[in-house]
Amino acid sequence: MPPSLQVGPYTVIALADGAGPFFSPRSEAFPGATAEQWAAADRLDPGALDADGRWRLQFRAFAIRSDQGVTLVDAGIGPADSPAASWAPVPGVLPASLAAAGIEPSDVDTVVLTHLHTDHVGWAVVGGEQSRPFFPNAAYLLQQAELDAIDEVNPQLRATLIDPLRKTDQLRLLDGDTPLRNGERAFATPGHTPGHQSVLVTSGRELVTVTGDLLVHAIQLLHPELAYAHEMDVEQARASREQVLGSRAADTLHLATPHLTEPFITR
């Protein structure tokens, strides 16, 4: 069984899809970071530094399972011919991770795409020229603001992702914060991309935030003010990150992160 977190009636399951080095040095990804900040981040997440000193990322999605259904947050790096193949360690293993969790693709009724970067949409649509949604019974949820910016964020995904989902009438566009079902909601966390969104799972005073790329390295957990070179709006991304990490809406905040070594962090 993959790693999981139980919050009230919800089981949040971390679904591995791959792991590998980033395509550029981490010093370029976080140009404002100091040696002291890197040292502290390495103590917090030593697995993010490989033997050659490169930034090593995990690539994972998350399933939220309850008696109301199954929500998948993001869709990983995908198969060998996925859009992420130019830089990510494809093929991913998300189907095997789902099977290990006892989830069939047909069980998933909601797929939340946090944003349109290729390492988050890889298994959403598969099959190349004979493309089909990998989750046949799911509504795929994307912020309207993200679709509006697709030519700036990732224009290739119009043909390989958006058009196939529209063809099967499975694309649902959201406008900001949106309830998904009792205890689950999508909320806008723009900055990394214009329509970036995260997902909240709430039970009493306990809360899980499935972050997407709100933060991508432990250094941003320690220093949320640090800019990441691949954020499209640095100030907006910082504000979104600080809002989530500084929230007092719950007694216990769990972060479910796609790229840190450990999938769950409790604050």
C-alpha atoms as a PDB file:
ATOM      1  CA  MET A   1       0.000   0.000   0.000  1.00  0.00           C
ATOM      2  CA  PRO A   2       1.410   3.441  -0.895  1.00  0.00           C
ATOM      3  CA  PRO A   3       1.965   5.989   1.902  1.00  0.00           C
ATOM      4  CA  SER A   4      -1.287   7.512   3.120  1.00  0.00           C
ATOM      5  CA  LEU A   5      -2.732   9.944   5.623  1.00  0.00           C
ATOM      6  CA  GLN A   6      -6.076   9.505   7.353  1.00  0.00           C
ATOM      7  CA  VAL A   7      -8.017  12.675   8.135  1.00  0.00           C
ATOM      8  CA  GLY A   8     -11.490  11.924   9.435  1.00  0.00           C
ATOM      9  CA  PRO A   9     -13.320   9.949   6.726  1.00  0.00           C
ATOM     10  CA  TYR A  10     -10.747  10.831   4.053  1.00  0.00           C
ATOM     11  CA  THR A  11      -7.706   8.800   3.073  1.00  0.00           C
ATOM     12  CA  VAL A  12      -5.124  10.853   1.190  1.00  0.00           C
ATOM     13  CA  ILE A  13      -2.840   8.485  -0.717  1.00  0.00           C
ATOM     14  CA  ALA A  14       0.558   9.418  -2.178  1.00  0.00           C
ATOM     15  CA  LEU A  15       0.958   7.841  -5.608  1.00  0.00           C
ATOM     16  CA  ALA A  16       4.530   7.654  -6.896  1.00  0.00           C
ATOM     17  CA  ASP A  17       5.085   8.115 -10.613  1.00  0.00           C
ATOM     18  CA  GLY A  18       8.865   8.603 -10.810  1.00  0.00           C
ATOM     19  CA  ALA A  19      11.979  10.267  -9.429  1.00  0.00           C
ATOM     20  CA  GLY A  20      14.985  11.911 -11.011  1.00  0.00           C
ATOM     21  CA  PRO A  21      17.225  14.976 -11.219  1.00  0.00           C
ATOM     22  CA  PHE A  22      16.002  18.416 -12.200  1.00  0.00           C
ATOM     23  CA  PHE A  23      17.084  19.705 -15.601  1.00  0.00           C
ATOM     24  CA  SER A  24      19.119  22.640 -14.239  1.00  0.00           C
ATOM     25  CA  PRO A  25      21.225  23.294 -11.120  1.00  0.00           C
ATOM     26  CA  ARG A  26      19.184  24.175  -8.065  1.00  0.00           C
ATOM     27  CA  SER A  27      21.207  27.361  -7.662  1.00  0.00           C
ATOM     28  CA  GLU A  28      19.667  28.534 -10.947  1.00  0.00           C
ATOM     29  CA  ALA A  29      16.194  27.456  -9.859  1.00  0.00           C
ATOM     30  CA  PHE A  30      16.485  29.477  -6.612  1.00  0.00           C
ATOM     31  CA  PRO A  31      18.981  32.247  -7.406  1.00  0.00           C
ATOM     32  CA  GLY A  32      18.246  34.173  -4.205  1.00  0.00           C
ATOM     33  CA  ALA A  33      19.022  31.316  -1.802  1.00  0.00           C
ATOM     34  CA  THR A  34      22.033  31.551   0.508  1.00  0.00           C
ATOM     35  CA  ALA A  35      24.445  28.799   1.530  1.00  0.00           C
ATOM     36  CA  GLU A  36      22.915  28.812   5.019  1.00  0.00           C
ATOM     37  CA  GLN A  37      19.416  28.384   3.604  1.00  0.00           C
ATOM     38  CA  TRP A  38      20.549  25.470   1.434  1.00  0.00           C
ATOM     39  CA  ALA A  39      22.191  23.810   4.422  1.00  0.00           C
ATOM     40  CA  ALA A  40      18.982  24.069   6.449  1.00  0.00           C
ATOM     41  CA  ALA A  41      16.906  22.720   3.555  1.00  0.00           C
ATOM     42  CA  ASP A  42      19.289  19.788   3.127  1.00  0.00           C
ATOM     43  CA  ARG A  43      18.900  18.920   6.784  1.00  0.00           C
ATOM     44  CA  LEU A  44      15.119  18.992   6.420  1.00  0.00           C
ATOM     45  CA  ASP A  45      15.034  17.009   3.157  1.00  0.00           C
ATOM     46  CA  PRO A  46      18.383  15.267   2.579  1.00  0.00           C
ATOM     47  CA  GLY A  47      16.873  13.043  -0.095  1.00  0.00           C
ATOM     48  CA  ALA A  48      16.474  16.029  -2.422  1.00  0.00           C
ATOM     49  CA  LEU A  49      20.236  16.083  -3.044  1.00  0.00           C
ATOM     50  CA  ASP A  50      21.736  13.205  -5.016  1.00  0.00           C
ATOM     51  CA  ALA A  51      25.297  11.869  -4.905  1.00  0.00           C
ATOM     52  CA  ASP A  52      26.357  14.285  -7.654  1.00  0.00           C
ATOM     53  CA  GLY A  53      24.934  17.316  -5.866  1.00  0.00           C
ATOM     54  CA  ARG A  54      21.909  17.618  -8.149  1.00  0.00           C
ATOM     55  CA  TRP A  55      18.386  18.457  -7.070  1.00  0.00           C
ATOM     56  CA  ARG A  56      16.466  15.176  -7.059  1.00  0.00           C
ATOM     57  CA  LEU A  57      12.695  15.438  -7.369  1.00  0.00           C
ATOM     58  CA  GLN A  58       9.917  13.025  -6.681  1.00  0.00           C
ATOM     59  CA  PHE A  59       7.022  13.055  -9.131  1.00  0.00           C
ATOM     60  CA  ARG A  60       3.749  11.986  -7.562  1.00  0.00           C
ATOM     61  CA  ALA A  61       0.009  12.428  -7.664  1.00  0.00           C
ATOM     62  CA  PHE A  62      -2.444  12.096  -4.778  1.00  0.00           C
ATOM     63  CA  ALA A  63      -5.736  10.254  -4.442  1.00  0.00           C
ATOM     64  CA  ILE A  64      -8.383  11.365  -1.960  1.00  0.00           C
ATOM     65  CA  ARG A  65     -10.675   8.449  -1.148  1.00  0.00           C
ATOM     66  CA  SER A  66     -13.849   8.446   0.927  1.00  0.00           C
ATOM     67  CA  ASP A  67     -17.327   6.970   0.719  1.00  0.00           C
ATOM     68  CA  GLN A  68     -18.167   9.910  -1.549  1.00  0.00           C
ATOM     69  CA  GLY A  69     -15.790   8.774  -4.292  1.00  0.00           C
ATOM     70  CA  VAL A  70     -12.188   9.103  -5.465  1.00  0.00           C
ATOM     71  CA  THR A  71     -10.520  12.381  -6.382  1.00  0.00           C
ATOM     72  CA  LEU A  72      -7.124  12.343  -8.098  1.00  0.00           C
ATOM     73  CA  VAL A  73      -4.981  15.453  -7.771  1.00  0.00           C
ATOM     74  CA  ASP A  74      -2.685  15.705 -10.783  1.00  0.00           C
ATOM     75  CA  ALA A  75      -1.695  12.993 -13.220  1.00  0.00           C
ATOM     76  CA  GLY A  76       2.080  12.655 -13.030  1.00  0.00           C
ATOM     77  CA  ILE A  77       4.736  12.447 -15.720  1.00  0.00           C
ATOM     78  CA  GLY A  78       2.966   9.853 -17.836  1.00  0.00           C
ATOM     79  CA  PRO A  79       4.026   7.050 -20.210  1.00  0.00           C
ATOM     80  CA  ALA A  80       7.127   6.978 -22.401  1.00  0.00           C
ATOM     81  CA  ASP A  81       5.533   9.147 -25.106  1.00  0.00           C
ATOM     82  CA  SER A  82       4.046  11.723 -22.736  1.00  0.00           C
ATOM     83  CA  PRO A  83       4.641  15.482 -23.120  1.00  0.00           C
ATOM     84  CA  ALA A  84       7.112  15.364 -20.194  1.00  0.00           C
ATOM     85  CA  ALA A  85       9.400  12.888 -21.984  1.00  0.00           C
ATOM     86  CA  SER A  86      11.863  15.610 -22.986  1.00  0.00           C
ATOM     87  CA  TRP A  87      12.984  16.129 -19.393  1.00  0.00           C
ATOM     88  CA  ALA A  88      11.248  13.848 -16.872  1.00  0.00           C
ATOM     89  CA  PRO A  89      12.109  10.197 -16.017  1.00  0.00           C
ATOM     90  CA  VAL A  90       9.371   8.559 -18.076  1.00  0.00           C
ATOM     91  CA  PRO A  91       7.720   6.113 -18.210  1.00  0.00           C
ATOM     92  CA  GLY A  92       5.979   6.777 -14.946  1.00  0.00           C
ATOM     93  CA  VAL A  93       4.521   4.125 -12.677  1.00  0.00           C
ATOM     94  CA  LEU A  94       1.268   5.804 -11.653  1.00  0.00           C
ATOM     95  CA  PRO A  95      -0.929   2.918 -12.917  1.00  0.00           C
ATOM     96  CA  ALA A  96       0.988   0.497 -10.695  1.00  0.00           C
ATOM     97  CA  SER A  97       0.733   2.889  -7.740  1.00  0.00           C
ATOM     98  CA  LEU A  98      -3.014   3.149  -8.248  1.00  0.00           C
ATOM     99  CA  ALA A  99      -3.304  -0.634  -8.394  1.00  0.00           C
ATOM    100  CA  ALA A 100      -1.275  -0.954  -5.185  1.00  0.00           C
ATOM    101  CA  ALA A 101      -3.778   1.386  -3.532  1.00  0.00           C
ATOM    102  CA  GLY A 102      -6.696  -0.700  -4.800  1.00  0.00           C
ATOM    103  CA  ILE A 103      -7.875   1.969  -7.235  1.00  0.00           C
ATOM    104  CA  GLU A 104      -8.853   1.245 -10.825  1.00  0.00           C
ATOM    105  CA  PRO A 105      -8.760   4.139 -13.328  1.00  0.00           C
ATOM    106  CA  SER A 106     -12.529   3.704 -13.715  1.00  0.00           C
ATOM    107  CA  ASP A 107     -12.969   4.299  -9.952  1.00  0.00           C
ATOM    108  CA  VAL A 108     -11.730   7.883 -10.220  1.00  0.00           C
ATOM    109  CA  ASP A 109     -14.635  10.291 -10.642  1.00  0.00           C
ATOM    110  CA  THR A 110     -12.733  13.596 -10.336  1.00  0.00           C
ATOM    111  CA  VAL A 111      -9.290  14.628 -11.583  1.00  0.00           C
ATOM    112  CA  VAL A 112      -8.047  18.008 -10.397  1.00  0.00           C
ATOM    113  CA  LEU A 113      -5.240  19.349 -12.598  1.00  0.00           C
ATOM    114  CA  THR A 114      -3.365  21.870 -10.490  1.00  0.00           C
ATOM    115  CA  HIS A 115      -1.774  23.438 -13.564  1.00  0.00           C
ATOM    116  CA  LEU A 116      -0.648  22.774 -17.124  1.00  0.00           C
ATOM    117  CA  HIS A 117       2.987  21.758 -16.674  1.00  0.00           C
ATOM    118  CA  THR A 118       3.825  18.470 -18.322  1.00  0.00           C
ATOM    119  CA  ASP A 119       4.873  16.640 -15.144  1.00  0.00           C
ATOM    120  CA  HIS A 120       1.376  17.118 -13.707  1.00  0.00           C
ATOM    121  CA  VAL A 121      -0.777  15.984 -16.640  1.00  0.00           C
ATOM    122  CA  GLY A 122       1.094  12.976 -18.049  1.00  0.00           C
ATOM    123  CA  TRP A 123      -1.517  10.266 -17.474  1.00  0.00           C
ATOM    124  CA  ALA A 124      -4.556  12.502 -18.005  1.00  0.00           C
ATOM    125  CA  VAL A 125      -4.840  11.586 -21.692  1.00  0.00           C
ATOM    126  CA  VAL A 126      -2.962   8.667 -23.253  1.00  0.00           C
ATOM    127  CA  GLY A 127      -2.787   6.829 -26.554  1.00  0.00           C
ATOM    128  CA  GLY A 128      -1.003   9.254 -28.873  1.00  0.00           C
ATOM    129  CA  GLU A 129      -2.969   9.640 -32.114  1.00  0.00           C
ATOM    130  CA  GLN A 130      -5.695   7.410 -30.670  1.00  0.00           C
ATOM    131  CA  SER A 131      -5.907   9.605 -27.596  1.00  0.00           C
ATOM    132  CA  ARG A 132      -8.323   8.840 -24.779  1.00  0.00           C
ATOM    133  CA  PRO A 133      -8.740   9.981 -21.183  1.00  0.00           C
ATOM    134  CA  PHE A 134      -6.980   7.501 -18.905  1.00  0.00           C
ATOM    135  CA  PHE A 135      -9.730   7.991 -16.312  1.00  0.00           C
ATOM    136  CA  PRO A 136     -12.852   7.276 -18.344  1.00  0.00           C
ATOM    137  CA  ASN A 137     -15.460   8.197 -15.724  1.00  0.00           C
ATOM    138  CA  ALA A 138     -13.817  11.328 -14.346  1.00  0.00           C
ATOM    139  CA  ALA A 139     -14.549  14.995 -14.704  1.00  0.00           C
ATOM    140  CA  TYR A 140     -11.242  16.807 -15.241  1.00  0.00           C
ATOM    141  CA  LEU A 141     -11.142  20.103 -13.335  1.00  0.00           C
ATOM    142  CA  LEU A 142      -8.973  23.006 -14.491  1.00  0.00           C
ATOM    143  CA  GLN A 143      -9.104  26.692 -13.640  1.00  0.00           C
ATOM    144  CA  GLN A 144     -10.446  28.888 -16.449  1.00  0.00           C
ATOM    145  CA  ALA A 145      -7.507  31.235 -15.849  1.00  0.00           C
ATOM    146  CA  GLU A 146      -5.107  28.387 -16.620  1.00  0.00           C
ATOM    147  CA  LEU A 147      -6.832  27.547 -19.873  1.00  0.00           C
ATOM    148  CA  ASP A 148      -6.899  31.241 -20.808  1.00  0.00           C
ATOM    149  CA  ALA A 149      -3.101  31.302 -20.411  1.00  0.00           C
ATOM    150  CA  ILE A 150      -2.380  27.990 -22.163  1.00  0.00           C
ATOM    151  CA  ASP A 151      -0.459  29.584 -25.034  1.00  0.00           C
ATOM    152  CA  GLU A 152       1.893  31.121 -22.492  1.00  0.00           C
ATOM    153  CA  VAL A 153       2.023  28.150 -20.101  1.00  0.00           C
ATOM    154  CA  ASN A 154       2.158  25.160 -22.457  1.00  0.00           C
ATOM    155  CA  PRO A 155       0.635  25.550 -25.945  1.00  0.00           C
ATOM    156  CA  GLN A 156       1.270  21.909 -26.974  1.00  0.00           C
ATOM    157  CA  LEU A 157      -1.310  20.765 -24.431  1.00  0.00           C
ATOM    158  CA  ARG A 158      -4.173  22.340 -26.353  1.00  0.00           C
ATOM    159  CA  ALA A 159      -4.054  19.500 -28.886  1.00  0.00           C
ATOM    160  CA  THR A 160      -2.822  16.671 -26.652  1.00  0.00           C
ATOM    161  CA  LEU A 161      -4.905  17.338 -23.522  1.00  0.00           C
ATOM    162  CA  ILE A 162      -7.628  19.958 -23.841  1.00  0.00           C
ATOM    163  CA  ASP A 163      -9.080  18.910 -27.195  1.00  0.00           C
ATOM    164  CA  PRO A 164      -9.388  15.191 -26.266  1.00  0.00           C
ATOM    165  CA  LEU A 165     -11.062  16.066 -22.952  1.00  0.00           C
ATOM    166  CA  ARG A 166     -13.491  18.354 -24.730  1.00  0.00           C
ATOM    167  CA  LYS A 167     -14.228  15.655 -27.277  1.00  0.00           C
ATOM    168  CA  THR A 168     -15.395  13.312 -24.514  1.00  0.00           C
ATOM    169  CA  ASP A 169     -17.087  16.156 -22.602  1.00  0.00           C
ATOM    170  CA  GLN A 170     -14.922  15.509 -19.528  1.00  0.00           C
ATOM    171  CA  LEU A 171     -13.353  18.962 -19.111  1.00  0.00           C
ATOM    172  CA  ARG A 172     -14.846  21.177 -16.413  1.00  0.00           C
ATOM    173  CA  LEU A 173     -13.567  24.722 -15.981  1.00  0.00           C
ATOM    174  CA  LEU A 174     -13.519  26.367 -12.556  1.00  0.00           C
ATOM    175  CA  ASP A 175     -13.553  30.036 -11.606  1.00  0.00           C
ATOM    176  CA  GLY A 176     -11.563  30.358  -8.384  1.00  0.00           C
ATOM    177  CA  ASP A 177     -12.399  28.538  -5.145  1.00  0.00           C
ATOM    178  CA  THR A 178     -14.835  25.686  -5.765  1.00  0.00           C
ATOM    179  CA  PRO A 179     -16.357  23.021  -3.479  1.00  0.00           C
ATOM    180  CA  LEU A 180     -15.770  19.536  -4.877  1.00  0.00           C
ATOM    181  CA  ARG A 181     -17.739  17.517  -2.332  1.00  0.00           C
ATOM    182  CA  ASN A 182     -18.301  17.658   1.394  1.00  0.00           C
ATOM    183  CA  GLY A 183     -14.897  18.270   2.994  1.00  0.00           C
ATOM    184  CA  GLU A 184     -13.021  18.778  -0.288  1.00  0.00           C
ATOM    185  CA  ARG A 185     -12.520  21.944  -2.291  1.00  0.00           C
ATOM    186  CA  ALA A 186     -10.254  23.365  -4.934  1.00  0.00           C
ATOM    187  CA  PHE A 187      -8.836  26.804  -4.239  1.00  0.00           C
ATOM    188  CA  ALA A 188      -6.876  29.218  -6.383  1.00  0.00           C
ATOM    189  CA  THR A 189      -3.160  29.529  -5.591  1.00  0.00           C
ATOM    190  CA  PRO A 190      -1.930  31.501  -8.612  1.00  0.00           C
ATOM    191  CA  GLY A 191       1.603  32.588  -9.324  1.00  0.00           C
ATOM    192  CA  HIS A 192       3.464  29.469 -10.365  1.00  0.00           C
ATOM    193  CA  THR A 193       1.100  29.689 -13.330  1.00  0.00           C
ATOM    194  CA  PRO A 194      -1.839  32.083 -13.757  1.00  0.00           C
ATOM    195  CA  GLY A 195      -4.465  29.451 -12.931  1.00  0.00           C
ATOM    196  CA  HIS A 196      -2.571  27.270 -10.490  1.00  0.00           C
ATOM    197  CA  GLN A 197      -4.868  25.631  -7.932  1.00  0.00           C
ATOM    198  CA  SER A 198      -4.475  23.441  -4.851  1.00  0.00           C
ATOM    199  CA  VAL A 199      -6.908  21.143  -3.045  1.00  0.00           C
ATOM    200  CA  LEU A 200      -8.052  21.269   0.582  1.00  0.00           C
ATOM    201  CA  VAL A 201      -9.371  18.323   2.567  1.00  0.00           C
ATOM    202  CA  THR A 202     -10.931  19.287   5.891  1.00  0.00           C
ATOM    203  CA  SER A 203     -12.176  17.280   8.859  1.00  0.00           C
ATOM    204  CA  GLY A 204     -12.870  19.238  12.040  1.00  0.00           C
ATOM    205  CA  ARG A 205      -9.769  21.268  12.887  1.00  0.00           C
ATOM    206  CA  GLU A 206      -7.497  19.059  10.773  1.00  0.00           C
ATOM    207  CA  LEU A 207      -6.653  20.086   7.242  1.00  0.00           C
ATOM    208  CA  VAL A 208      -4.679  18.669   4.324  1.00  0.00           C
ATOM    209  CA  THR A 209      -3.452  20.901   1.514  1.00  0.00           C
ATOM    210  CA  VAL A 210      -2.472  19.079  -1.655  1.00  0.00           C
ATOM    211  CA  THR A 211      -0.117  21.763  -2.853  1.00  0.00           C
ATOM    212  CA  GLY A 212       0.671  21.167  -6.502  1.00  0.00           C
ATOM    213  CA  ASP A 213       3.670  23.386  -7.263  1.00  0.00           C
ATOM    214  CA  LEU A 214       2.805  25.962  -4.620  1.00  0.00           C
ATOM    215  CA  LEU A 215       6.169  24.808  -3.247  1.00  0.00           C
ATOM    216  CA  VAL A 216       8.609  22.536  -5.028  1.00  0.00           C
ATOM    217  CA  HIS A 217      11.551  22.263  -2.621  1.00  0.00           C
ATOM    218  CA  ALA A 218      11.986  22.212   1.153  1.00  0.00           C
ATOM    219  CA  ILE A 219      13.815  25.533   0.942  1.00  0.00           C
ATOM    220  CA  GLN A 220      10.458  27.181   0.171  1.00  0.00           C
ATOM    221  CA  LEU A 221       8.936  25.508   3.211  1.00  0.00           C
ATOM    222  CA  LEU A 222      11.580  27.124   5.402  1.00  0.00           C
ATOM    223  CA  HIS A 223      11.720  30.363   3.437  1.00  0.00           C
ATOM    224  CA  PRO A 224       8.438  30.864   1.567  1.00  0.00           C
ATOM    225  CA  GLU A 225       9.597  34.285   0.429  1.00  0.00           C
ATOM    226  CA  LEU A 226      12.217  32.726  -1.877  1.00  0.00           C
ATOM    227  CA  ALA A 227      11.400  32.995  -5.555  1.00  0.00           C
ATOM    228  CA  TYR A 228      11.558  29.992  -7.856  1.00  0.00           C
ATOM    229  CA  ALA A 229      12.884  30.743 -11.342  1.00  0.00           C
ATOM    230  CA  HIS A 230      10.026  28.886 -13.041  1.00  0.00           C
ATOM    231  CA  GLU A 231       7.223  30.841 -11.380  1.00  0.00           C
ATOM    232  CA  MET A 232       5.412  32.970 -13.919  1.00  0.00           C
ATOM    233  CA  ASP A 233       4.473  35.646 -11.373  1.00  0.00           C
ATOM    234  CA  VAL A 234       6.985  35.655  -8.515  1.00  0.00           C
ATOM    235  CA  GLU A 235       5.101  38.044  -6.249  1.00  0.00           C
ATOM    236  CA  GLN A 236       1.776  36.301  -6.711  1.00  0.00           C
ATOM    237  CA  ALA A 237       3.377  32.905  -6.090  1.00  0.00           C
ATOM    238  CA  ARG A 238       4.981  34.189  -2.905  1.00  0.00           C
ATOM    239  CA  ALA A 239       1.667  35.572  -1.675  1.00  0.00           C
ATOM    240  CA  SER A 240      -0.115  32.271  -2.376  1.00  0.00           C
ATOM    241  CA  ARG A 241       2.594  30.282  -0.603  1.00  0.00           C
ATOM    242  CA  GLU A 242       2.676  32.543   2.436  1.00  0.00           C
ATOM    243  CA  GLN A 243      -1.121  32.491   2.684  1.00  0.00           C
ATOM    244  CA  VAL A 244      -1.211  28.687   2.822  1.00  0.00           C
ATOM    245  CA  LEU A 245       1.790  28.216   5.103  1.00  0.00           C
ATOM    246  CA  GLY A 246       0.650  30.990   7.448  1.00  0.00           C
ATOM    247  CA  SER A 247      -2.967  29.848   7.673  1.00  0.00           C
ATOM    248  CA  ARG A 248      -4.492  29.526  11.139  1.00  0.00           C
ATOM    249  CA  ALA A 249      -7.670  27.919   9.858  1.00  0.00           C
ATOM    250  CA  ALA A 250      -6.794  24.563  11.427  1.00  0.00           C
ATOM    251  CA  ASP A 251      -5.093  23.191  14.514  1.00  0.00           C
ATOM    252  CA  THR A 252      -3.153  20.730  12.342  1.00  0.00           C
ATOM    253  CA  LEU A 253      -2.038  21.415   8.776  1.00  0.00           C
ATOM    254  CA  HIS A 254      -0.720  18.583   6.631  1.00  0.00           C
ATOM    255  CA  LEU A 255       0.974  19.373   3.325  1.00  0.00           C
ATOM    256  CA  ALA A 256       0.827  16.773   0.552  1.00  0.00           C
ATOM    257  CA  THR A 257       3.602  17.679  -1.885  1.00  0.00           C
ATOM    258  CA  PRO A 258       4.391  16.211  -5.297  1.00  0.00           C
ATOM    259  CA  HIS A 259       8.145  16.884  -5.372  1.00  0.00           C
ATOM    260  CA  LEU A 260       9.590  16.692  -1.844  1.00  0.00           C
ATOM    261  CA  THR A 261      11.153  13.406  -0.754  1.00  0.00           C
ATOM    262  CA  GLU A 262       8.501  12.702   1.881  1.00  0.00           C
ATOM    263  CA  PRO A 263       4.961  13.053   0.559  1.00  0.00           C
ATOM    264  CA  PHE A 264       3.425  14.392   3.783  1.00  0.00           C
ATOM    265  CA  ILE A 265       4.646  17.159   6.068  1.00  0.00           C
ATOM    266  CA  THR A 266       2.761  18.122   9.222  1.00  0.00           C
ATOM    267  CA  ARG A 267       2.993  21.631  10.640  1.00  0.00           C
END
